[in-house]
């Protein structure tokens, strides 16, 4: 049950990200929101393919998730935060909201 729920959550985020990016041009992806902030290109691509493919170890930090499920839920929250940023940045570049 947990696996299906996690797949559903990440699937929803993935779909929302694609909706927020639909029709965005390369030029629009480089527009920074005033007075300061990151552009769509940075929010979406701040990790390189090499960084994503590199092996890593996870060390539990105090106050951080204690098990795999909590860690995955924390990752999902982080991803969803950025998907929301993409939605706002879509409007910054003059596009209508994609999710209704």
N, C-alpha and C. Protein backbone atom coordinates (compact mmCIF):
# COMPACT_ATOMS: atom_id res chain seq x y z
N UNK A 1 0.82 -1.20 0.00
CA UNK A 1 0.00 0.00 0.00
C UNK A 1 0.86 1.26 0.00
N UNK A 2 1.91 1.29 0.82
CA UNK A 2 2.77 2.46 0.87
C UNK A 2 3.45 2.71 -0.47
N UNK A 3 3.87 1.62 -1.14
CA UNK A 3 4.53 1.77 -2.43
C UNK A 3 3.59 2.41 -3.44
N UNK A 4 2.36 1.95 -3.51
CA UNK A 4 1.39 2.51 -4.46
C UNK A 4 1.09 3.98 -4.15
N UNK A 5 0.98 4.29 -2.87
CA UNK A 5 0.71 5.68 -2.47
C UNK A 5 1.88 6.59 -2.86
N UNK A 6 3.10 6.13 -2.63
CA UNK A 6 4.27 6.93 -3.00
C UNK A 6 4.35 7.11 -4.52
N UNK A 7 4.09 6.05 -5.26
CA UNK A 7 4.09 6.16 -6.72
C UNK A 7 3.05 7.17 -7.19
N UNK A 8 1.90 7.16 -6.55
CA UNK A 8 0.84 8.11 -6.89
C UNK A 8 1.29 9.55 -6.60
N UNK A 9 1.87 9.77 -5.42
CA UNK A 9 2.33 11.11 -5.05
C UNK A 9 3.38 11.64 -6.02
N UNK A 10 4.39 10.83 -6.30
CA UNK A 10 5.44 11.29 -7.22
C UNK A 10 4.90 11.44 -8.63
N UNK A 11 3.94 10.61 -9.02
CA UNK A 11 3.31 10.74 -10.33
C UNK A 11 2.54 12.05 -10.45
N UNK A 12 1.83 12.43 -9.40
CA UNK A 12 1.10 13.70 -9.41
C UNK A 12 2.06 14.88 -9.54
N UNK A 13 3.15 14.84 -8.79
CA UNK A 13 4.14 15.92 -8.88
C UNK A 13 4.76 15.99 -10.27
N UNK A 14 5.08 14.85 -10.82
CA UNK A 14 5.66 14.79 -12.16
C UNK A 14 4.70 15.39 -13.19
N UNK A 15 3.44 15.01 -13.09
CA UNK A 15 2.43 15.55 -14.01
C UNK A 15 2.25 17.05 -13.86
N UNK A 16 2.24 17.53 -12.62
CA UNK A 16 2.08 18.96 -12.37
C UNK A 16 3.28 19.74 -12.90
N UNK A 17 4.48 19.19 -12.74
CA UNK A 17 5.67 19.86 -13.27
C UNK A 17 5.57 19.99 -14.79
N UNK A 18 5.16 18.91 -15.45
CA UNK A 18 5.02 18.97 -16.91
C UNK A 18 3.95 19.98 -17.32
N UNK A 19 2.86 20.05 -16.59
CA UNK A 19 1.82 21.03 -16.91
C UNK A 19 2.37 22.45 -16.76
N UNK A 20 3.12 22.68 -15.69
CA UNK A 20 3.68 24.02 -15.45
C UNK A 20 4.71 24.42 -16.50
N UNK A 21 5.34 23.44 -17.12
CA UNK A 21 6.39 23.73 -18.11
C UNK A 21 5.88 23.75 -19.54
N UNK A 22 4.66 23.31 -19.75
CA UNK A 22 4.12 23.23 -21.12
C UNK A 22 4.12 24.61 -21.78
N UNK A 23 4.75 24.68 -22.95
CA UNK A 23 4.77 25.92 -23.72
C UNK A 23 5.83 26.92 -23.32
N UNK A 24 6.56 26.66 -22.24
CA UNK A 24 7.61 27.58 -21.80
C UNK A 24 8.78 27.50 -22.78
N UNK A 25 9.22 28.64 -23.27
CA UNK A 25 10.34 28.67 -24.21
C UNK A 25 11.67 28.70 -23.45
N UNK A 26 12.74 28.42 -24.17
CA UNK A 26 14.07 28.49 -23.55
C UNK A 26 14.34 29.90 -23.02
N UNK A 27 13.94 30.91 -23.78
CA UNK A 27 14.14 32.30 -23.34
C UNK A 27 13.34 32.59 -22.08
N UNK A 28 12.10 32.13 -22.03
CA UNK A 28 11.27 32.36 -20.84
C UNK A 28 11.85 31.65 -19.62
N UNK A 29 12.47 30.50 -19.83
CA UNK A 29 13.01 29.74 -18.70
C UNK A 29 14.18 30.45 -18.03
N UNK A 30 14.70 31.48 -18.66
CA UNK A 30 15.83 32.23 -18.11
C UNK A 30 15.43 33.55 -17.46
N UNK A 31 14.14 33.87 -17.44
CA UNK A 31 13.66 35.12 -16.84
C UNK A 31 13.62 34.97 -15.32
N UNK A 32 14.30 35.89 -14.64
CA UNK A 32 14.32 35.87 -13.18
C UNK A 32 13.20 36.74 -12.63
N UNK A 33 12.54 36.30 -11.56
CA UNK A 33 11.48 37.12 -10.98
C UNK A 33 12.07 38.33 -10.25
N UNK A 34 11.41 39.49 -10.37
CA UNK A 34 11.89 40.67 -9.64
C UNK A 34 11.44 40.61 -8.18
N UNK A 35 12.14 41.16 -7.24
CA UNK A 35 13.43 41.83 -7.39
C UNK A 35 14.60 40.85 -7.42
N UNK A 36 14.38 39.62 -7.00
CA UNK A 36 15.45 38.62 -7.01
C UNK A 36 14.81 37.24 -6.94
N UNK A 37 15.53 36.27 -7.34
CA UNK A 37 15.02 34.90 -7.28
C UNK A 37 15.58 34.08 -8.43
N UNK A 38 15.27 32.81 -8.39
CA UNK A 38 15.77 31.90 -9.42
C UNK A 38 14.78 31.74 -10.55
N UNK A 39 15.31 31.53 -11.73
CA UNK A 39 14.49 31.34 -12.92
C UNK A 39 14.03 29.88 -13.03
N UNK A 40 13.11 29.62 -13.95
CA UNK A 40 12.61 28.26 -14.18
C UNK A 40 13.76 27.32 -14.48
N UNK A 41 14.68 27.74 -15.32
CA UNK A 41 15.80 26.89 -15.71
C UNK A 41 16.61 26.45 -14.49
N UNK A 42 16.82 27.36 -13.55
CA UNK A 42 17.58 27.01 -12.35
C UNK A 42 16.77 26.07 -11.45
N UNK A 43 15.51 26.39 -11.22
CA UNK A 43 14.68 25.56 -10.34
C UNK A 43 14.60 24.14 -10.89
N UNK A 44 14.43 24.02 -12.18
CA UNK A 44 14.27 22.70 -12.80
C UNK A 44 15.60 21.97 -12.96
N UNK A 45 16.66 22.69 -13.25
CA UNK A 45 17.89 22.01 -13.61
C UNK A 45 19.09 22.32 -12.76
N UNK A 46 18.91 22.52 -11.47
CA UNK A 46 20.05 22.90 -10.64
C UNK A 46 20.98 21.72 -10.36
N UNK A 47 20.54 20.49 -10.65
CA UNK A 47 21.42 19.33 -10.54
C UNK A 47 21.74 18.83 -11.93
N UNK A 48 23.00 18.55 -12.17
CA UNK A 48 23.41 18.04 -13.48
C UNK A 48 23.15 16.53 -13.55
N UNK A 49 23.07 15.97 -14.75
CA UNK A 49 22.91 14.52 -14.88
C UNK A 49 24.03 13.76 -14.15
N UNK A 50 25.24 14.30 -14.17
CA UNK A 50 26.36 13.65 -13.48
C UNK A 50 26.14 13.63 -11.96
N UNK A 51 25.63 14.73 -11.42
CA UNK A 51 25.35 14.77 -9.98
C UNK A 51 24.25 13.78 -9.61
N UNK A 52 23.22 13.72 -10.44
CA UNK A 52 22.12 12.81 -10.16
C UNK A 52 22.54 11.35 -10.25
N UNK A 53 23.50 11.03 -11.11
CA UNK A 53 23.94 9.65 -11.31
C UNK A 53 25.00 9.22 -10.30
N UNK A 54 25.61 10.16 -9.61
CA UNK A 54 26.70 9.84 -8.69
C UNK A 54 26.19 9.07 -7.48
N UNK A 55 26.93 8.05 -7.05
CA UNK A 55 26.53 7.33 -5.84
C UNK A 55 26.63 8.26 -4.62
N UNK A 56 25.82 7.99 -3.66
CA UNK A 56 25.82 8.82 -2.47
C UNK A 56 25.49 7.97 -1.25
N UNK A 57 25.84 8.46 -0.11
CA UNK A 57 25.44 7.82 1.14
C UNK A 57 24.55 8.81 1.88
N UNK A 58 23.64 8.28 2.63
CA UNK A 58 22.72 9.11 3.39
C UNK A 58 23.04 8.96 4.86
N UNK A 59 23.29 10.06 5.50
CA UNK A 59 23.56 10.07 6.93
C UNK A 59 22.39 10.75 7.62
N UNK A 60 21.87 10.10 8.64
CA UNK A 60 20.74 10.69 9.36
C UNK A 60 21.25 11.86 10.20
N UNK A 61 20.64 13.00 9.99
CA UNK A 61 20.96 14.19 10.76
C UNK A 61 19.94 14.35 11.88
N UNK A 62 20.33 14.95 12.98
CA UNK A 62 19.37 15.18 14.07
C UNK A 62 18.15 15.96 13.56
N UNK A 63 16.97 15.50 13.93
CA UNK A 63 15.74 16.17 13.54
C UNK A 63 15.29 15.86 12.13
N UNK A 64 15.97 14.97 11.45
CA UNK A 64 15.62 14.61 10.08
C UNK A 64 14.93 13.25 10.06
N UNK A 65 14.34 12.88 8.94
CA UNK A 65 13.62 11.61 8.85
C UNK A 65 14.48 10.43 9.31
N UNK A 66 13.83 9.50 10.02
CA UNK A 66 14.54 8.38 10.61
C UNK A 66 14.50 7.11 9.77
N UNK A 67 13.54 6.98 8.88
CA UNK A 67 13.45 5.75 8.10
C UNK A 67 13.21 6.07 6.63
N UNK A 68 13.22 5.03 5.82
CA UNK A 68 13.11 5.21 4.36
C UNK A 68 11.81 5.88 3.97
N UNK A 69 10.70 5.49 4.58
CA UNK A 69 9.41 6.09 4.23
C UNK A 69 9.41 7.58 4.56
N UNK A 70 9.86 7.93 5.75
CA UNK A 70 9.92 9.35 6.12
C UNK A 70 10.84 10.12 5.19
N UNK A 71 11.94 9.50 4.79
CA UNK A 71 12.87 10.17 3.89
C UNK A 71 12.23 10.40 2.52
N UNK A 72 11.53 9.39 1.99
CA UNK A 72 10.86 9.54 0.70
C UNK A 72 9.78 10.61 0.76
N UNK A 73 9.04 10.65 1.87
CA UNK A 73 8.02 11.68 2.02
C UNK A 73 8.65 13.07 2.10
N UNK A 74 9.80 13.16 2.75
CA UNK A 74 10.53 14.43 2.81
C UNK A 74 11.00 14.85 1.42
N UNK A 75 11.51 13.89 0.63
CA UNK A 75 11.91 14.18 -0.75
C UNK A 75 10.71 14.65 -1.56
N UNK A 76 9.57 14.01 -1.34
CA UNK A 76 8.37 14.39 -2.09
C UNK A 76 7.96 15.82 -1.74
N UNK A 77 7.99 16.16 -0.46
CA UNK A 77 7.66 17.53 -0.06
C UNK A 77 8.60 18.51 -0.76
N UNK A 78 9.89 18.21 -0.76
CA UNK A 78 10.87 19.09 -1.39
C UNK A 78 10.57 19.25 -2.88
N UNK A 79 10.29 18.14 -3.55
CA UNK A 79 9.97 18.19 -4.97
C UNK A 79 8.70 19.01 -5.22
N UNK A 80 7.69 18.81 -4.40
CA UNK A 80 6.43 19.52 -4.56
C UNK A 80 6.61 21.03 -4.35
N UNK A 81 7.47 21.39 -3.43
CA UNK A 81 7.80 22.80 -3.20
C UNK A 81 8.30 23.42 -4.50
N UNK A 82 9.21 22.72 -5.18
CA UNK A 82 9.76 23.24 -6.43
C UNK A 82 8.73 23.23 -7.56
N UNK A 83 7.85 22.26 -7.58
CA UNK A 83 6.78 22.25 -8.59
C UNK A 83 5.90 23.48 -8.40
N UNK A 84 5.63 23.85 -7.16
CA UNK A 84 4.87 25.08 -6.89
C UNK A 84 5.61 26.32 -7.35
N UNK A 85 6.92 26.33 -7.15
CA UNK A 85 7.72 27.45 -7.66
C UNK A 85 7.59 27.56 -9.17
N UNK A 86 7.61 26.42 -9.86
CA UNK A 86 7.46 26.43 -11.32
C UNK A 86 6.13 27.05 -11.72
N UNK A 87 5.08 26.75 -10.95
CA UNK A 87 3.77 27.32 -11.25
C UNK A 87 3.76 28.83 -11.11
N UNK A 88 4.40 29.34 -10.06
CA UNK A 88 4.49 30.79 -9.88
C UNK A 88 5.37 31.43 -10.94
N UNK A 89 6.49 30.79 -11.24
CA UNK A 89 7.39 31.34 -12.26
C UNK A 89 6.75 31.35 -13.64
N UNK A 90 5.87 30.41 -13.89
CA UNK A 90 5.12 30.39 -15.15
C UNK A 90 4.35 31.70 -15.30
N UNK A 91 3.75 32.16 -14.22
CA UNK A 91 3.00 33.42 -14.26
C UNK A 91 3.93 34.63 -14.36
N UNK A 92 5.10 34.54 -13.73
CA UNK A 92 6.08 35.63 -13.81
C UNK A 92 6.46 35.90 -15.26
N UNK A 93 6.58 34.84 -16.07
CA UNK A 93 6.99 35.04 -17.47
C UNK A 93 5.81 35.38 -18.37
N UNK A 94 4.62 35.55 -17.77
CA UNK A 94 3.47 36.00 -18.54
C UNK A 94 2.55 34.91 -19.05
N UNK A 95 2.76 33.70 -18.61
CA UNK A 95 1.89 32.59 -19.03
C UNK A 95 0.75 32.44 -18.02
N UNK A 96 -0.39 31.94 -18.48
CA UNK A 96 -1.49 31.69 -17.54
C UNK A 96 -1.17 30.47 -16.66
N UNK A 97 -1.83 30.42 -15.52
CA UNK A 97 -1.68 29.25 -14.66
C UNK A 97 -2.07 27.98 -15.40
N UNK A 98 -1.34 26.91 -15.15
CA UNK A 98 -1.58 25.66 -15.87
C UNK A 98 -2.48 24.70 -15.11
N UNK A 99 -2.56 24.84 -13.82
CA UNK A 99 -3.33 23.90 -13.00
C UNK A 99 -4.55 24.62 -12.46
N UNK A 100 -5.70 24.08 -12.78
CA UNK A 100 -6.95 24.72 -12.36
C UNK A 100 -7.75 23.79 -11.50
